[in-house]
Structure formats: C-alpha cells, structure tokens
Amino acid sequence: MSKRIYHSHHNIVYSCKYHVVFCPKYRRKVLVDGVATRLKELVEQIAEEYQFEVIE
C-alpha cells in the first residue's frame, strides 16, 4: 500500500494524481525490441526534471 502524501500551499491541502493510458493505433504491440526500456528511461528522466514521482 502506498503512503499518502499531501502538499500544502497557503490555505489549501492537496494530493494530485494522474492516470495515464497509452493506446497505440490499431492496438498493435509497439512496446517491443527495447522500446519499452527506452520509454521507461524517458519517463524517469522527465519525472526527475519536473520533480514528480512515478508510482507504477
């Protein structure tokens, strides 16, 4: 179970989470031959740059 992290700013408290769904055209298998590995690297790099956490 993940721990709940709340952020606060002046007079508000919030916990913001997004759910991203990846749907390739025609439902083809596109995350093959190292594409999945590279995609994971890019997401981790962007998460570090913008200071957010990827849960799964």
PDB file of N, CA and C in Angstrom:
ATOM      1  N   MET A   1       0.845  -1.170   0.000  1.00  0.00           N
ATOM      2  CA  MET A   1       0.000   0.000   0.000  1.00  0.00           C
ATOM      3  C   MET A   1       0.894   1.237   0.000  1.00  0.00           C
ATOM      4  N   SER A   2       0.580   2.193  -0.859  1.00  0.00           N
ATOM      5  CA  SER A   2       1.390   3.401  -0.917  1.00  0.00           C
ATOM      6  C   SER A   2       0.954   4.381   0.165  1.00  0.00           C
ATOM      7  N   LYS A   3       1.914   5.131   0.651  1.00  0.00           N
ATOM      8  CA  LYS A   3       1.588   6.114   1.669  1.00  0.00           C
ATOM      9  C   LYS A   3       1.024   7.361   0.998  1.00  0.00           C
ATOM     10  N   ARG A   4       0.125   8.022   1.673  1.00  0.00           N
ATOM     11  CA  ARG A   4      -0.499   9.217   1.135  1.00  0.00           C
ATOM     12  C   ARG A   4       0.387  10.421   1.412  1.00  0.00           C
ATOM     13  N   ILE A   5       0.655  11.175   0.381  1.00  0.00           N
ATOM     14  CA  ILE A   5       1.463  12.372   0.512  1.00  0.00           C
ATOM     15  C   ILE A   5       0.595  13.565   0.133  1.00  0.00           C
ATOM     16  N   TYR A   6       0.493  14.502   1.040  1.00  0.00           N
ATOM     17  CA  TYR A   6      -0.299  15.700   0.810  1.00  0.00           C
ATOM     18  C   TYR A   6       0.635  16.897   0.712  1.00  0.00           C
ATOM     19  N   HIS A   7       0.302  17.809  -0.159  1.00  0.00           N
ATOM     20  CA  HIS A   7       1.056  19.040  -0.312  1.00  0.00           C
ATOM     21  C   HIS A   7       0.195  20.180   0.192  1.00  0.00           C
ATOM     22  N   SER A   8       0.822  21.219   0.692  1.00  0.00           N
ATOM     23  CA  SER A   8       0.047  22.366   1.172  1.00  0.00           C
ATOM     24  C   SER A   8       0.642  23.645   0.613  1.00  0.00           C
ATOM     25  N   HIS A   9      -0.234  24.612   0.478  1.00  0.00           N
ATOM     26  CA  HIS A   9       0.163  25.913  -0.043  1.00  0.00           C
ATOM     27  C   HIS A   9      -0.812  26.943   0.504  1.00  0.00           C
ATOM     28  N   HIS A  10      -0.332  27.851   1.280  1.00  0.00           N
ATOM     29  CA  HIS A  10      -1.137  28.895   1.928  1.00  0.00           C
ATOM     30  C   HIS A  10      -2.328  28.290   2.679  1.00  0.00           C
ATOM     31  N   ASN A  11      -3.512  28.272   2.070  1.00  0.00           N
ATOM     32  CA  ASN A  11      -4.690  27.809   2.804  1.00  0.00           C
ATOM     33  C   ASN A  11      -5.316  26.555   2.212  1.00  0.00           C
ATOM     34  N   ILE A  12      -4.549  25.785   1.425  1.00  0.00           N
ATOM     35  CA  ILE A  12      -5.097  24.559   0.840  1.00  0.00           C
ATOM     36  C   ILE A  12      -4.173  23.382   1.099  1.00  0.00           C
ATOM     37  N   VAL A  13      -4.746  22.202   1.080  1.00  0.00           N
ATOM     38  CA  VAL A  13      -4.006  20.949   1.177  1.00  0.00           C
ATOM     39  C   VAL A  13      -4.502  20.076   0.042  1.00  0.00           C
ATOM     40  N   TYR A  14      -3.574  19.455  -0.710  1.00  0.00           N
ATOM     41  CA  TYR A  14      -3.995  18.677  -1.866  1.00  0.00           C
ATOM     42  C   TYR A  14      -3.085  17.482  -2.107  1.00  0.00           C
ATOM     43  N   SER A  15      -3.613  16.536  -2.809  1.00  0.00           N
ATOM     44  CA  SER A  15      -2.872  15.379  -3.278  1.00  0.00           C
ATOM     45  C   SER A  15      -3.320  15.138  -4.714  1.00  0.00           C
ATOM     46  N   CYS A  16      -2.453  15.408  -5.650  1.00  0.00           N
ATOM     47  CA  CYS A  16      -2.807  15.367  -7.071  1.00  0.00           C
ATOM     48  C   CYS A  16      -2.181  14.125  -7.723  1.00  0.00           C
ATOM     49  N   LYS A  17      -3.014  13.310  -8.339  1.00  0.00           N
ATOM     50  CA  LYS A  17      -2.537  12.108  -9.016  1.00  0.00           C
ATOM     51  C   LYS A  17      -3.168  12.035 -10.401  1.00  0.00           C
ATOM     52  N   TYR A  18      -2.415  11.531 -11.371  1.00  0.00           N
ATOM     53  CA  TYR A  18      -2.905  11.377 -12.736  1.00  0.00           C
ATOM     54  C   TYR A  18      -2.793   9.923 -13.151  1.00  0.00           C
ATOM     55  N   HIS A  19      -3.714   9.491 -13.964  1.00  0.00           N
ATOM     56  CA  HIS A  19      -3.709   8.143 -14.516  1.00  0.00           C
ATOM     57  C   HIS A  19      -3.549   8.295 -16.021  1.00  0.00           C
ATOM     58  N   VAL A  20      -2.443   7.787 -16.577  1.00  0.00           N
ATOM     59  CA  VAL A  20      -2.163   7.923 -17.997  1.00  0.00           C
ATOM     60  C   VAL A  20      -2.392   6.581 -18.671  1.00  0.00           C
ATOM     61  N   VAL A  21      -3.136   6.591 -19.757  1.00  0.00           N
ATOM     62  CA  VAL A  21      -3.421   5.380 -20.519  1.00  0.00           C
ATOM     63  C   VAL A  21      -2.756   5.513 -21.884  1.00  0.00           C
ATOM     64  N   PHE A  22      -1.984   4.518 -22.262  1.00  0.00           N
ATOM     65  CA  PHE A  22      -1.283   4.507 -23.542  1.00  0.00           C
ATOM     66  C   PHE A  22      -2.023   3.571 -24.491  1.00  0.00           C
ATOM     67  N   CYS A  23      -2.608   4.114 -25.546  1.00  0.00           N
ATOM     68  CA  CYS A  23      -3.368   3.320 -26.525  1.00  0.00           C
ATOM     69  C   CYS A  23      -2.758   3.483 -27.907  1.00  0.00           C
ATOM     70  N   PRO A  24      -1.997   2.504 -28.373  1.00  0.00           N
ATOM     71  CA  PRO A  24      -1.427   2.609 -29.718  1.00  0.00           C
ATOM     72  C   PRO A  24      -2.504   2.427 -30.789  1.00  0.00           C
ATOM     73  N   LYS A  25      -2.257   2.968 -31.951  1.00  0.00           N
ATOM     74  CA  LYS A  25      -3.195   2.882 -33.060  1.00  0.00           C
ATOM     75  C   LYS A  25      -3.377   1.416 -33.467  1.00  0.00           C
ATOM     76  N   TYR A  26      -4.585   1.030 -33.679  1.00  0.00           N
ATOM     77  CA  TYR A  26      -4.967  -0.327 -34.100  1.00  0.00           C
ATOM     78  C   TYR A  26      -4.592  -1.398 -33.092  1.00  0.00           C
ATOM     79  N   ARG A  27      -4.287  -0.991 -31.841  1.00  0.00           N
ATOM     80  CA  ARG A  27      -3.944  -1.917 -30.756  1.00  0.00           C
ATOM     81  C   ARG A  27      -2.793  -2.869 -31.110  1.00  0.00           C
ATOM     82  N   ARG A  28      -1.829  -2.353 -31.865  1.00  0.00           N
ATOM     83  CA  ARG A  28      -0.652  -3.151 -32.201  1.00  0.00           C
ATOM     84  C   ARG A  28       0.298  -3.211 -31.012  1.00  0.00           C
ATOM     85  N   LYS A  29       1.113  -4.218 -30.976  1.00  0.00           N
ATOM     86  CA  LYS A  29       2.140  -4.312 -29.942  1.00  0.00           C
ATOM     87  C   LYS A  29       3.327  -3.465 -30.378  1.00  0.00           C
ATOM     88  N   VAL A  30       3.504  -2.327 -29.729  1.00  0.00           N
ATOM     89  CA  VAL A  30       4.571  -1.404 -30.113  1.00  0.00           C
ATOM     90  C   VAL A  30       5.685  -1.324 -29.076  1.00  0.00           C
ATOM     91  N   LEU A  31       5.463  -1.825 -27.886  1.00  0.00           N
ATOM     92  CA  LEU A  31       6.483  -1.770 -26.846  1.00  0.00           C
ATOM     93  C   LEU A  31       7.339  -3.035 -26.883  1.00  0.00           C
ATOM     94  N   VAL A  32       8.004  -3.246 -28.025  1.00  0.00           N
ATOM     95  CA  VAL A  32       8.866  -4.414 -28.224  1.00  0.00           C
ATOM     96  C   VAL A  32      10.240  -3.940 -28.690  1.00  0.00           C
ATOM     97  N   ASP A  33      11.209  -4.826 -28.641  1.00  0.00           N
ATOM     98  CA  ASP A  33      12.575  -4.567 -29.130  1.00  0.00           C
ATOM     99  C   ASP A  33      13.225  -3.349 -28.489  1.00  0.00           C
ATOM    100  N   GLY A  34      13.129  -3.225 -27.183  1.00  0.00           N
ATOM    101  CA  GLY A  34      13.799  -2.152 -26.466  1.00  0.00           C
ATOM    102  C   GLY A  34      13.009  -0.857 -26.373  1.00  0.00           C
ATOM    103  N   VAL A  35      11.863  -0.775 -27.026  1.00  0.00           N
ATOM    104  CA  VAL A  35      11.057   0.447 -26.974  1.00  0.00           C
ATOM    105  C   VAL A  35      10.538   0.666 -25.555  1.00  0.00           C
ATOM    106  N   ALA A  36      10.115  -0.387 -24.895  1.00  0.00           N
ATOM    107  CA  ALA A  36       9.607  -0.268 -23.523  1.00  0.00           C
ATOM    108  C   ALA A  36      10.701   0.230 -22.580  1.00  0.00           C
ATOM    109  N   THR A  37      11.909  -0.268 -22.754  1.00  0.00           N
ATOM    110  CA  THR A  37      13.032   0.153 -21.908  1.00  0.00           C
ATOM    111  C   THR A  37      13.337   1.631 -22.108  1.00  0.00           C
ATOM    112  N   ARG A  38      13.368   2.056 -23.366  1.00  0.00           N
ATOM    113  CA  ARG A  38      13.656   3.462 -23.672  1.00  0.00           C
ATOM    114  C   ARG A  38      12.542   4.378 -23.160  1.00  0.00           C
ATOM    115  N   LEU A  39      11.290   3.940 -23.299  1.00  0.00           N
ATOM    116  CA  LEU A  39      10.158   4.719 -22.803  1.00  0.00           C
ATOM    117  C   LEU A  39      10.253   4.898 -21.295  1.00  0.00           C
ATOM    118  N   LYS A  40      10.624   3.832 -20.587  1.00  0.00           N
ATOM    119  CA  LYS A  40      10.773   3.904 -19.136  1.00  0.00           C
ATOM    120  C   LYS A  40      11.884   4.882 -18.753  1.00  0.00           C
ATOM    121  N   GLU A  41      13.002   4.855 -19.482  1.00  0.00           N
ATOM    122  CA  GLU A  41      14.107   5.784 -19.222  1.00  0.00           C
ATOM    123  C   GLU A  41      13.660   7.230 -19.416  1.00  0.00           C
ATOM    124  N   LEU A  42      12.913   7.491 -20.490  1.00  0.00           N
ATOM    125  CA  LEU A  42      12.444   8.846 -20.765  1.00  0.00           C
ATOM    126  C   LEU A  42      11.480   9.341 -19.695  1.00  0.00           C
ATOM    127  N   VAL A  43      10.574   8.485 -19.268  1.00  0.00           N
ATOM    128  CA  VAL A  43       9.611   8.872 -18.235  1.00  0.00           C
ATOM    129  C   VAL A  43      10.336   9.174 -16.924  1.00  0.00           C
ATOM    130  N   GLU A  44      11.313   8.362 -16.561  1.00  0.00           N
ATOM    131  CA  GLU A  44      12.084   8.608 -15.336  1.00  0.00           C
ATOM    132  C   GLU A  44      12.879   9.903 -15.427  1.00  0.00           C
ATOM    133  N   GLN A  45      13.437  10.190 -16.600  1.00  0.00           N
ATOM    134  CA  GLN A  45      14.200  11.419 -16.808  1.00  0.00           C
ATOM    135  C   GLN A  45      13.293  12.641 -16.676  1.00  0.00           C
ATOM    136  N   ILE A  46      12.123  12.594 -17.274  1.00  0.00           N
ATOM    137  CA  ILE A  46      11.183  13.711 -17.203  1.00  0.00           C
ATOM    138  C   ILE A  46      10.664  13.880 -15.777  1.00  0.00           C
ATOM    139  N   ALA A  47      10.419  12.760 -15.090  1.00  0.00           N
ATOM    140  CA  ALA A  47       9.950  12.829 -13.704  1.00  0.00           C
ATOM    141  C   ALA A  47      10.985  13.505 -12.813  1.00  0.00           C
ATOM    142  N   GLU A  48      12.240  13.204 -13.038  1.00  0.00           N
ATOM    143  CA  GLU A  48      13.297  13.834 -12.251  1.00  0.00           C
ATOM    144  C   GLU A  48      13.399  15.327 -12.570  1.00  0.00           C
ATOM    145  N   GLU A  49      13.274  15.659 -13.843  1.00  0.00           N
ATOM    146  CA  GLU A  49      13.386  17.055 -14.274  1.00  0.00           C
ATOM    147  C   GLU A  49      12.264  17.921 -13.698  1.00  0.00           C
ATOM    148  N   TYR A  50      11.041  17.401 -13.698  1.00  0.00           N
ATOM    149  CA  TYR A  50       9.893  18.170 -13.223  1.00  0.00           C
ATOM    150  C   TYR A  50       9.514  17.846 -11.775  1.00  0.00           C
ATOM    151  N   GLN A  51      10.301  17.015 -11.127  1.00  0.00           N
ATOM    152  CA  GLN A  51      10.162  16.682  -9.709  1.00  0.00           C
ATOM    153  C   GLN A  51       8.798  16.093  -9.369  1.00  0.00           C
ATOM    154  N   PHE A  52       8.421  15.016 -10.073  1.00  0.00           N
ATOM    155  CA  PHE A  52       7.235  14.253  -9.695  1.00  0.00           C
ATOM    156  C   PHE A  52       7.609  12.793  -9.588  1.00  0.00           C
ATOM    157  N   GLU A  53       6.728  12.023  -9.001  1.00  0.00           N
ATOM    158  CA  GLU A  53       7.000  10.619  -8.714  1.00  0.00           C
ATOM    159  C   GLU A  53       6.132   9.724  -9.579  1.00  0.00           C
ATOM    160  N   VAL A  54       6.752   8.712 -10.170  1.00  0.00           N
ATOM    161  CA  VAL A  54       6.019   7.706 -10.929  1.00  0.00           C
ATOM    162  C   VAL A  54       5.758   6.560  -9.969  1.00  0.00           C
ATOM    163  N   ILE A  55       4.472   6.263  -9.726  1.00  0.00           N
ATOM    164  CA  ILE A  55       4.117   5.239  -8.751  1.00  0.00           C
ATOM    165  C   ILE A  55       4.265   3.837  -9.338  1.00  0.00           C
ATOM    166  N   GLU A  56       3.741   3.629 -10.527  1.00  0.00           N
ATOM    167  CA  GLU A  56       3.874   2.324 -11.188  1.00  0.00           C
ATOM    168  C   GLU A  56       4.191   2.507 -12.634  1.00  0.00           C
TER     169      GLU A  56
END
